[in-house]
C-alpha atoms as a PDB file:
ATOM      1  CA  UNK A   1       0.000   0.000   0.000  1.00  0.00           C
ATOM      2  CA  UNK A   2       2.793   2.440   0.829  1.00  0.00           C
ATOM      3  CA  UNK A   3       4.294   1.834  -2.609  1.00  0.00           C
ATOM      4  CA  UNK A   4       1.048   2.889  -4.279  1.00  0.00           C
ATOM      5  CA  UNK A   5       0.986   6.028  -2.116  1.00  0.00           C
ATOM      6  CA  UNK A   6       4.595   6.836  -3.018  1.00  0.00           C
ATOM      7  CA  UNK A   7       3.878   6.464  -6.748  1.00  0.00           C
ATOM      8  CA  UNK A   8       0.766   8.640  -6.352  1.00  0.00           C
ATOM      9  CA  UNK A   9       2.715  11.363  -4.523  1.00  0.00           C
ATOM     10  CA  UNK A  10       5.417  11.221  -7.218  1.00  0.00           C
ATOM     11  CA  UNK A  11       2.652  11.662  -9.803  1.00  0.00           C
ATOM     12  CA  UNK A  12       1.379  14.775  -8.000  1.00  0.00           C
ATOM     13  CA  UNK A  13       4.950  16.056  -7.700  1.00  0.00           C
ATOM     14  CA  UNK A  14       5.304  15.627 -11.465  1.00  0.00           C
ATOM     15  CA  UNK A  15       2.076  17.561 -12.076  1.00  0.00           C
ATOM     16  CA  UNK A  16       3.093  20.373  -9.725  1.00  0.00           C
ATOM     17  CA  UNK A  17       6.505  20.525 -11.394  1.00  0.00           C
ATOM     18  CA  UNK A  18       4.827  20.932 -14.782  1.00  0.00           C
ATOM     19  CA  UNK A  19       2.722  23.768 -13.362  1.00  0.00           C
ATOM     20  CA  UNK A  20       5.771  25.492 -11.828  1.00  0.00           C
ATOM     21  CA  UNK A  21       7.700  25.068 -15.076  1.00  0.00           C
ATOM     22  CA  UNK A  22       4.821  26.572 -17.062  1.00  0.00           C
ATOM     23  CA  UNK A  23       4.343  29.507 -14.702  1.00  0.00           C
ATOM     24  CA  UNK A  24       8.099  30.164 -14.677  1.00  0.00           C
ATOM     25  CA  UNK A  25       8.177  30.125 -18.473  1.00  0.00           C
ATOM     26  CA  UNK A  26       5.239  32.556 -18.618  1.00  0.00           C
ATOM     27  CA  UNK A  27       6.971  34.876 -16.142  1.00  0.00           C
ATOM     28  CA  UNK A  28      10.228  34.744 -18.097  1.00  0.00           C
ATOM     29  CA  UNK A  29       8.445  35.466 -21.363  1.00  0.00           C
ATOM     30  CA  UNK A  30       6.667  38.435 -19.797  1.00  0.00           C
ATOM     31  CA  UNK A  31       9.792  40.006 -18.269  1.00  0.00           C
ATOM     32  CA  UNK A  32      11.988  39.358 -21.322  1.00  0.00           C
ATOM     33  CA  UNK A  33       9.426  40.878 -23.713  1.00  0.00           C
ATOM     34  CA  UNK A  34       8.303  43.973 -21.810  1.00  0.00           C
ATOM     35  CA  UNK A  35       6.683  46.737 -23.795  1.00  0.00           C
ATOM     36  CA  UNK A  36       8.487  50.090 -23.450  1.00  0.00           C
ATOM     37  CA  UNK A  37       5.205  51.481 -22.045  1.00  0.00           C
ATOM     38  CA  UNK A  38       4.911  48.752 -19.374  1.00  0.00           C
ATOM     39  CA  UNK A  39       5.093  50.274 -15.870  1.00  0.00           C
ATOM     40  CA  UNK A  40       7.075  47.263 -14.585  1.00  0.00           C
ATOM     41  CA  UNK A  41      10.765  48.207 -14.326  1.00  0.00           C
ATOM     42  CA  UNK A  42      10.154  51.261 -16.497  1.00  0.00           C
ATOM     43  CA  UNK A  43       9.659  49.066 -19.557  1.00  0.00           C
ATOM     44  CA  UNK A  44      13.243  47.741 -19.353  1.00  0.00           C
ATOM     45  CA  UNK A  45      13.492  44.012 -19.997  1.00  0.00           C
ATOM     46  CA  UNK A  46      14.893  41.825 -17.213  1.00  0.00           C
ATOM     47  CA  UNK A  47      14.508  38.407 -15.634  1.00  0.00           C
ATOM     48  CA  UNK A  48      14.208  37.232 -12.060  1.00  0.00           C
ATOM     49  CA  UNK A  49      17.051  34.932 -11.043  1.00  0.00           C
ATOM     50  CA  UNK A  50      14.777  32.969  -8.745  1.00  0.00           C
ATOM     51  CA  UNK A  51      12.421  32.213 -11.639  1.00  0.00           C
ATOM     52  CA  UNK A  52      15.344  30.640 -13.505  1.00  0.00           C
ATOM     53  CA  UNK A  53      16.123  28.536 -10.416  1.00  0.00           C
ATOM     54  CA  UNK A  54      12.486  27.440 -10.136  1.00  0.00           C
ATOM     55  CA  UNK A  55      12.407  26.562 -13.830  1.00  0.00           C
ATOM     56  CA  UNK A  56      15.570  24.467 -13.442  1.00  0.00           C
ATOM     57  CA  UNK A  57      14.280  22.791 -10.277  1.00  0.00           C
ATOM     58  CA  UNK A  58      10.915  21.943 -11.808  1.00  0.00           C
ATOM     59  CA  UNK A  59      12.497  20.400 -14.925  1.00  0.00           C
ATOM     60  CA  UNK A  60      14.856  18.250 -12.841  1.00  0.00           C
ATOM     61  CA  UNK A  61      11.955  17.230 -10.603  1.00  0.00           C
ATOM     62  CA  UNK A  62       9.850  16.190 -13.596  1.00  0.00           C
ATOM     63  CA  UNK A  63      12.547  13.804 -14.816  1.00  0.00           C
ATOM     64  CA  UNK A  64      13.247  12.544 -11.285  1.00  0.00           C
ATOM     65  CA  UNK A  65       9.558  11.887 -10.611  1.00  0.00           C
ATOM     66  CA  UNK A  66       9.129   9.914 -13.830  1.00  0.00           C
ATOM     67  CA  UNK A  67      12.267   7.877 -13.172  1.00  0.00           C
ATOM     68  CA  UNK A  68      11.395   7.018  -9.562  1.00  0.00           C
ATOM     69  CA  UNK A  69       7.706   6.298 -10.214  1.00  0.00           C
ATOM     70  CA  UNK A  70       8.703   4.001 -13.082  1.00  0.00           C
ATOM     71  CA  UNK A  71      11.277   2.280 -10.871  1.00  0.00           C
ATOM     72  CA  UNK A  72       8.834   1.724  -8.013  1.00  0.00           C
ATOM     73  CA  UNK A  73       5.951   0.639 -10.220  1.00  0.00           C
ATOM     74  CA  UNK A  74       8.064  -1.575 -12.483  1.00  0.00           C
ATOM     75  CA  UNK A  75      10.125  -3.028  -9.608  1.00  0.00           C
ATOM     76  CA  UNK A  76      13.373  -2.227 -11.394  1.00  0.00           C
ATOM     77  CA  UNK A  77      16.534  -3.279  -9.606  1.00  0.00           C
ATOM     78  CA  UNK A  78      19.984  -1.842 -10.140  1.00  0.00           C
ATOM     79  CA  UNK A  79      22.499  -2.005  -7.344  1.00  0.00           C
ATOM     80  CA  UNK A  80      23.301   1.717  -6.897  1.00  0.00           C
ATOM     81  CA  UNK A  81      20.753   3.793  -8.823  1.00  0.00           C
ATOM     82  CA  UNK A  82      17.625   2.095  -7.513  1.00  0.00           C
ATOM     83  CA  UNK A  83      18.353   1.831  -3.791  1.00  0.00           C
ATOM     84  CA  UNK A  84      16.619   3.725  -1.019  1.00  0.00           C
ATOM     85  CA  UNK A  85      19.900   5.530  -0.351  1.00  0.00           C
ATOM     86  CA  UNK A  86      19.987   6.863  -3.917  1.00  0.00           C
ATOM     87  CA  UNK A  87      16.349   7.955  -3.654  1.00  0.00           C
ATOM     88  CA  UNK A  88      16.982   9.711  -0.346  1.00  0.00           C
ATOM     89  CA  UNK A  89      20.040  11.526  -1.702  1.00  0.00           C
ATOM     90  CA  UNK A  90      18.075  12.670  -4.747  1.00  0.00           C
ATOM     91  CA  UNK A  91      15.132  13.769  -2.614  1.00  0.00           C
ATOM     92  CA  UNK A  92      17.436  15.679  -0.266  1.00  0.00           C
ATOM     93  CA  UNK A  93      18.937  17.587  -3.202  1.00  0.00           C
ATOM     94  CA  UNK A  94      15.452  18.349  -4.533  1.00  0.00           C
ATOM     95  CA  UNK A  95      14.357  19.336  -1.025  1.00  0.00           C
ATOM     96  CA  UNK A  96      17.133  21.942  -0.874  1.00  0.00           C
ATOM     97  CA  UNK A  97      16.418  23.254  -4.386  1.00  0.00           C
ATOM     98  CA  UNK A  98      12.679  23.590  -3.739  1.00  0.00           C
ATOM     99  CA  UNK A  99      13.262  25.156  -0.313  1.00  0.00           C
ATOM    100  CA  UNK A 100      15.709  27.725  -1.687  1.00  0.00           C
ATOM    101  CA  UNK A 101      13.354  28.574  -4.547  1.00  0.00           C
ATOM    102  CA  UNK A 102      10.309  28.895  -2.302  1.00  0.00           C
ATOM    103  CA  UNK A 103      12.116  30.860   0.405  1.00  0.00           C
ATOM    104  CA  UNK A 104      13.731  33.344  -1.974  1.00  0.00           C
ATOM    105  CA  UNK A 105      10.486  33.763  -3.937  1.00  0.00           C
ATOM    106  CA  UNK A 106       8.604  34.381  -0.686  1.00  0.00           C
ATOM    107  CA  UNK A 107      11.251  36.833   0.480  1.00  0.00           C
ATOM    108  CA  UNK A 108      11.104  38.559  -2.907  1.00  0.00           C
ATOM    109  CA  UNK A 109       7.382  39.138  -2.463  1.00  0.00           C
ATOM    110  CA  UNK A 110       7.880  40.763   0.949  1.00  0.00           C
ATOM    111  CA  UNK A 111       7.122  44.505   0.736  1.00  0.00           C
ATOM    112  CA  UNK A 112       9.620  45.917   3.294  1.00  0.00           C
ATOM    113  CA  UNK A 113      12.570  45.288   0.978  1.00  0.00           C
ATOM    114  CA  UNK A 114      13.750  48.221  -1.061  1.00  0.00           C
ATOM    115  CA  UNK A 115      15.136  46.188  -3.973  1.00  0.00           C
ATOM    116  CA  UNK A 116      12.009  44.120  -4.587  1.00  0.00           C
ATOM    117  CA  UNK A 117      10.432  43.750  -7.995  1.00  0.00           C
ATOM    118  CA  UNK A 118       7.424  41.627  -6.967  1.00  0.00           C
ATOM    119  CA  UNK A 119       6.117  43.799  -4.174  1.00  0.00           C
ATOM    120  CA  UNK A 120       3.079  42.883  -2.098  1.00  0.00           C
ATOM    121  CA  UNK A 121       1.307  40.218  -4.164  1.00  0.00           C
ATOM    122  CA  UNK A 122      -1.921  40.387  -2.169  1.00  0.00           C
ATOM    123  CA  UNK A 123      -2.605  43.949  -3.313  1.00  0.00           C
ATOM    124  CA  UNK A 124      -2.213  43.482  -7.080  1.00  0.00           C
ATOM    125  CA  UNK A 125      -4.422  40.541  -8.040  1.00  0.00           C
ATOM    126  CA  UNK A 126      -6.161  42.682 -10.647  1.00  0.00           C
ATOM    127  CA  UNK A 127      -3.132  42.189 -12.906  1.00  0.00           C
ATOM    128  CA  UNK A 128      -2.385  38.881 -14.615  1.00  0.00           C
ATOM    129  CA  UNK A 129       1.358  39.171 -13.946  1.00  0.00           C
ATOM    130  CA  UNK A 130       0.641  39.361 -10.224  1.00  0.00           C
ATOM    131  CA  UNK A 131      -1.704  36.359 -10.334  1.00  0.00           C
ATOM    132  CA  UNK A 132       0.995  34.371 -12.131  1.00  0.00           C
ATOM    133  CA  UNK A 133       3.519  35.203  -9.414  1.00  0.00           C
ATOM    134  CA  UNK A 134       1.015  34.292  -6.698  1.00  0.00           C
ATOM    135  CA  UNK A 135       0.296  30.933  -8.340  1.00  0.00           C
ATOM    136  CA  UNK A 136       4.023  30.347  -8.868  1.00  0.00           C
ATOM    137  CA  UNK A 137       4.678  30.974  -5.204  1.00  0.00           C
ATOM    138  CA  UNK A 138       1.831  28.682  -4.102  1.00  0.00           C
ATOM    139  CA  UNK A 139       2.835  25.771  -6.339  1.00  0.00           C
ATOM    140  CA  UNK A 140       6.470  26.176  -5.343  1.00  0.00           C
ATOM    141  CA  UNK A 141       5.585  25.683  -1.683  1.00  0.00           C
ATOM    142  CA  UNK A 142       3.318  22.750  -2.576  1.00  0.00           C
ATOM    143  CA  UNK A 143       6.164  21.144  -4.551  1.00  0.00           C
ATOM    144  CA  UNK A 144       8.490  21.567  -1.587  1.00  0.00           C
ATOM    145  CA  UNK A 145       5.871  20.020   0.695  1.00  0.00           C
ATOM    146  CA  UNK A 146       5.518  16.962  -1.558  1.00  0.00           C
ATOM    147  CA  UNK A 147       9.286  16.476  -1.709  1.00  0.00           C
ATOM    148  CA  UNK A 148       9.410  16.698   2.082  1.00  0.00           C
ATOM    149  CA  UNK A 149       6.597  14.138   2.404  1.00  0.00           C
ATOM    150  CA  UNK A 150       8.342  11.745   0.016  1.00  0.00           C
ATOM    151  CA  UNK A 151      11.631  12.149   1.850  1.00  0.00           C
ATOM    152  CA  UNK A 152      10.038  11.405   5.220  1.00  0.00           C
ATOM    153  CA  UNK A 153       8.054   8.445   3.840  1.00  0.00           C
ATOM    154  CA  UNK A 154      11.083   6.858   2.195  1.00  0.00           C
ATOM    155  CA  UNK A 155      13.337   7.539   5.185  1.00  0.00           C
ATOM    156  CA  UNK A 156      10.890   6.014   7.660  1.00  0.00           C
ATOM    157  CA  UNK A 157      10.340   2.975   5.426  1.00  0.00           C
ATOM    158  CA  UNK A 158      14.093   2.478   4.990  1.00  0.00           C
ATOM    159  CA  UNK A 159      14.709   2.812   8.736  1.00  0.00           C
ATOM    160  CA  UNK A 160      11.850   0.491   9.715  1.00  0.00           C
ATOM    161  CA  UNK A 161      12.914  -2.203   7.251  1.00  0.00           C
ATOM    162  CA  UNK A 162      16.690  -1.627   7.399  1.00  0.00           C
ATOM    163  CA  UNK A 163      16.461  -1.206   3.641  1.00  0.00           C
ATOM    164  CA  UNK A 164      18.904   1.589   2.826  1.00  0.00           C
ATOM    165  CA  UNK A 165      20.780  -0.593   0.347  1.00  0.00           C
ATOM    166  CA  UNK A 166      17.740  -2.511  -0.914  1.00  0.00           C
ATOM    167  CA  UNK A 167      15.726  -1.695  -4.052  1.00  0.00           C
ATOM    168  CA  UNK A 168      13.600   1.405  -3.641  1.00  0.00           C
ATOM    169  CA  UNK A 169      10.464  -0.339  -4.849  1.00  0.00           C
ATOM    170  CA  UNK A 170      10.428  -1.993  -1.405  1.00  0.00           C
ATOM    171  CA  UNK A 171       8.650  -5.144  -2.561  1.00  0.00           C
ATOM    172  CA  UNK A 172      11.465  -7.604  -2.867  1.00  0.00           C
ATOM    173  CA  UNK A 173      11.392 -11.332  -2.485  1.00  0.00           C
ATOM    174  CA  UNK A 174      14.797 -12.656  -1.434  1.00  0.00           C
ATOM    175  CA  UNK A 175      14.096 -15.863  -3.383  1.00  0.00           C
ATOM    176  CA  UNK A 176      13.257 -14.062  -6.648  1.00  0.00           C
ATOM    177  CA  UNK A 177      15.549 -11.053  -6.626  1.00  0.00           C
ATOM    178  CA  UNK A 178      18.976 -10.776  -8.164  1.00  0.00           C
ATOM    179  CA  UNK A 179      19.701  -7.842  -5.925  1.00  0.00           C
ATOM    180  CA  UNK A 180      20.467  -8.979  -2.422  1.00  0.00           C
ATOM    181  CA  UNK A 181      21.472 -12.042  -0.497  1.00  0.00           C
ATOM    182  CA  UNK A 182      19.604 -14.993  -2.028  1.00  0.00           C
ATOM    183  CA  UNK A 183      20.567 -17.641   0.482  1.00  0.00           C
ATOM    184  CA  UNK A 184      17.457 -19.321   1.831  1.00  0.00           C
ATOM    185  CA  UNK A 185      17.005 -21.451   4.885  1.00  0.00           C
ATOM    186  CA  UNK A 186      14.697 -24.213   3.647  1.00  0.00           C
ATOM    187  CA  UNK A 187      13.527 -25.113   7.185  1.00  0.00           C
ATOM    188  CA  UNK A 188      11.940 -21.640   7.535  1.00  0.00           C
ATOM    189  CA  UNK A 189      10.110 -21.980   4.212  1.00  0.00           C
ATOM    190  CA  UNK A 190       8.612 -25.376   5.025  1.00  0.00           C
ATOM    191  CA  UNK A 191       7.168 -24.187   8.345  1.00  0.00           C
END
Protein backbone atom coordinates (compact mmCIF):
# COMPACT_ATOMS: atom_id res chain seq x y z
CA UNK A 1 0.00 0.00 0.00
CA UNK A 2 2.79 2.44 0.83
CA UNK A 3 4.29 1.83 -2.61
CA UNK A 4 1.05 2.89 -4.28
CA UNK A 5 0.99 6.03 -2.12
CA UNK A 6 4.59 6.84 -3.02
CA UNK A 7 3.88 6.46 -6.75
CA UNK A 8 0.77 8.64 -6.35
CA UNK A 9 2.71 11.36 -4.52
CA UNK A 10 5.42 11.22 -7.22
CA UNK A 11 2.65 11.66 -9.80
CA UNK A 12 1.38 14.78 -8.00
CA UNK A 13 4.95 16.06 -7.70
CA UNK A 14 5.30 15.63 -11.47
CA UNK A 15 2.08 17.56 -12.08
CA UNK A 16 3.09 20.37 -9.72
CA UNK A 17 6.50 20.53 -11.39
CA UNK A 18 4.83 20.93 -14.78
CA UNK A 19 2.72 23.77 -13.36
CA UNK A 20 5.77 25.49 -11.83
CA UNK A 21 7.70 25.07 -15.08
CA UNK A 22 4.82 26.57 -17.06
CA UNK A 23 4.34 29.51 -14.70
CA UNK A 24 8.10 30.16 -14.68
CA UNK A 25 8.18 30.13 -18.47
CA UNK A 26 5.24 32.56 -18.62
CA UNK A 27 6.97 34.88 -16.14
CA UNK A 28 10.23 34.74 -18.10
CA UNK A 29 8.44 35.47 -21.36
CA UNK A 30 6.67 38.44 -19.80
CA UNK A 31 9.79 40.01 -18.27
CA UNK A 32 11.99 39.36 -21.32
CA UNK A 33 9.43 40.88 -23.71
CA UNK A 34 8.30 43.97 -21.81
CA UNK A 35 6.68 46.74 -23.79
CA UNK A 36 8.49 50.09 -23.45
CA UNK A 37 5.20 51.48 -22.05
CA UNK A 38 4.91 48.75 -19.37
CA UNK A 39 5.09 50.27 -15.87
CA UNK A 40 7.07 47.26 -14.59
CA UNK A 41 10.76 48.21 -14.33
CA UNK A 42 10.15 51.26 -16.50
CA UNK A 43 9.66 49.07 -19.56
CA UNK A 44 13.24 47.74 -19.35
CA UNK A 45 13.49 44.01 -20.00
CA UNK A 46 14.89 41.82 -17.21
CA UNK A 47 14.51 38.41 -15.63
CA UNK A 48 14.21 37.23 -12.06
CA UNK A 49 17.05 34.93 -11.04
CA UNK A 50 14.78 32.97 -8.74
CA UNK A 51 12.42 32.21 -11.64
CA UNK A 52 15.34 30.64 -13.50
CA UNK A 53 16.12 28.54 -10.42
CA UNK A 54 12.49 27.44 -10.14
CA UNK A 55 12.41 26.56 -13.83
CA UNK A 56 15.57 24.47 -13.44
CA UNK A 57 14.28 22.79 -10.28
CA UNK A 58 10.91 21.94 -11.81
CA UNK A 59 12.50 20.40 -14.92
CA UNK A 60 14.86 18.25 -12.84
CA UNK A 61 11.95 17.23 -10.60
CA UNK A 62 9.85 16.19 -13.60
CA UNK A 63 12.55 13.80 -14.82
CA UNK A 64 13.25 12.54 -11.29
CA UNK A 65 9.56 11.89 -10.61
CA UNK A 66 9.13 9.91 -13.83
CA UNK A 67 12.27 7.88 -13.17
CA UNK A 68 11.39 7.02 -9.56
CA UNK A 69 7.71 6.30 -10.21
CA UNK A 70 8.70 4.00 -13.08
CA UNK A 71 11.28 2.28 -10.87
CA UNK A 72 8.83 1.72 -8.01
CA UNK A 73 5.95 0.64 -10.22
CA UNK A 74 8.06 -1.57 -12.48
CA UNK A 75 10.13 -3.03 -9.61
CA UNK A 76 13.37 -2.23 -11.39
CA UNK A 77 16.53 -3.28 -9.61
CA UNK A 78 19.98 -1.84 -10.14
CA UNK A 79 22.50 -2.00 -7.34
CA UNK A 80 23.30 1.72 -6.90
CA UNK A 81 20.75 3.79 -8.82
CA UNK A 82 17.62 2.09 -7.51
CA UNK A 83 18.35 1.83 -3.79
CA UNK A 84 16.62 3.72 -1.02
CA UNK A 85 19.90 5.53 -0.35
CA UNK A 86 19.99 6.86 -3.92
CA UNK A 87 16.35 7.95 -3.65
CA UNK A 88 16.98 9.71 -0.35
CA UNK A 89 20.04 11.53 -1.70
CA UNK A 90 18.08 12.67 -4.75
CA UNK A 91 15.13 13.77 -2.61
CA UNK A 92 17.44 15.68 -0.27
CA UNK A 93 18.94 17.59 -3.20
CA UNK A 94 15.45 18.35 -4.53
CA UNK A 95 14.36 19.34 -1.03
CA UNK A 96 17.13 21.94 -0.87
CA UNK A 97 16.42 23.25 -4.39
CA UNK A 98 12.68 23.59 -3.74
CA UNK A 99 13.26 25.16 -0.31
CA UNK A 100 15.71 27.72 -1.69
CA UNK A 101 13.35 28.57 -4.55
CA UNK A 102 10.31 28.89 -2.30
CA UNK A 103 12.12 30.86 0.40
CA UNK A 104 13.73 33.34 -1.97
CA UNK A 105 10.49 33.76 -3.94
CA UNK A 106 8.60 34.38 -0.69
CA UNK A 107 11.25 36.83 0.48
CA UNK A 108 11.10 38.56 -2.91
CA UNK A 109 7.38 39.14 -2.46
CA UNK A 110 7.88 40.76 0.95
CA UNK A 111 7.12 44.51 0.74
CA UNK A 112 9.62 45.92 3.29
CA UNK A 113 12.57 45.29 0.98
CA UNK A 114 13.75 48.22 -1.06
CA UNK A 115 15.14 46.19 -3.97
CA UNK A 116 12.01 44.12 -4.59
CA UNK A 117 10.43 43.75 -7.99
CA UNK A 118 7.42 41.63 -6.97
CA UNK A 119 6.12 43.80 -4.17
CA UNK A 120 3.08 42.88 -2.10
CA UNK A 121 1.31 40.22 -4.16
CA UNK A 122 -1.92 40.39 -2.17
CA UNK A 123 -2.60 43.95 -3.31
CA UNK A 124 -2.21 43.48 -7.08
CA UNK A 125 -4.42 40.54 -8.04
CA UNK A 126 -6.16 42.68 -10.65
CA UNK A 127 -3.13 42.19 -12.91
CA UNK A 128 -2.39 38.88 -14.61
CA UNK A 129 1.36 39.17 -13.95
CA UNK A 130 0.64 39.36 -10.22
CA UNK A 131 -1.70 36.36 -10.33
CA UNK A 132 1.00 34.37 -12.13
CA UNK A 133 3.52 35.20 -9.41
CA UNK A 134 1.02 34.29 -6.70
CA UNK A 135 0.30 30.93 -8.34
CA UNK A 136 4.02 30.35 -8.87
CA UNK A 137 4.68 30.97 -5.20
CA UNK A 138 1.83 28.68 -4.10
CA UNK A 139 2.84 25.77 -6.34
CA UNK A 140 6.47 26.18 -5.34
CA UNK A 141 5.58 25.68 -1.68
CA UNK A 142 3.32 22.75 -2.58
CA UNK A 143 6.16 21.14 -4.55
CA UNK A 144 8.49 21.57 -1.59
CA UNK A 145 5.87 20.02 0.70
CA UNK A 146 5.52 16.96 -1.56
CA UNK A 147 9.29 16.48 -1.71
CA UNK A 148 9.41 16.70 2.08
CA UNK A 149 6.60 14.14 2.40
CA UNK A 150 8.34 11.75 0.02
CA UNK A 151 11.63 12.15 1.85
CA UNK A 152 10.04 11.40 5.22
CA UNK A 153 8.05 8.45 3.84
CA UNK A 154 11.08 6.86 2.20
CA UNK A 155 13.34 7.54 5.19
CA UNK A 156 10.89 6.01 7.66
CA UNK A 157 10.34 2.97 5.43
CA UNK A 158 14.09 2.48 4.99
CA UNK A 159 14.71 2.81 8.74
CA UNK A 160 11.85 0.49 9.71
CA UNK A 161 12.91 -2.20 7.25
CA UNK A 162 16.69 -1.63 7.40
CA UNK A 163 16.46 -1.21 3.64
CA UNK A 164 18.90 1.59 2.83
CA UNK A 165 20.78 -0.59 0.35
CA UNK A 166 17.74 -2.51 -0.91
CA UNK A 167 15.73 -1.70 -4.05
CA UNK A 168 13.60 1.40 -3.64
CA UNK A 169 10.46 -0.34 -4.85
CA UNK A 170 10.43 -1.99 -1.40
CA UNK A 171 8.65 -5.14 -2.56
CA UNK A 172 11.46 -7.60 -2.87
CA UNK A 173 11.39 -11.33 -2.49
CA UNK A 174 14.80 -12.66 -1.43
CA UNK A 175 14.10 -15.86 -3.38
CA UNK A 176 13.26 -14.06 -6.65
CA UNK A 177 15.55 -11.05 -6.63
CA UNK A 178 18.98 -10.78 -8.16
CA UNK A 179 19.70 -7.84 -5.93
CA UNK A 180 20.47 -8.98 -2.42
CA UNK A 181 21.47 -12.04 -0.50
CA UNK A 182 19.60 -14.99 -2.03
CA UNK A 183 20.57 -17.64 0.48
CA UNK A 184 17.46 -19.32 1.83
CA UNK A 185 17.01 -21.45 4.88
CA UNK A 186 14.70 -24.21 3.65
CA UNK A 187 13.53 -25.11 7.19
CA UNK A 188 11.94 -21.64 7.53
CA UNK A 189 10.11 -21.98 4.21
CA UNK A 190 8.61 -25.38 5.03
CA UNK A 191 7.17 -24.19 8.35
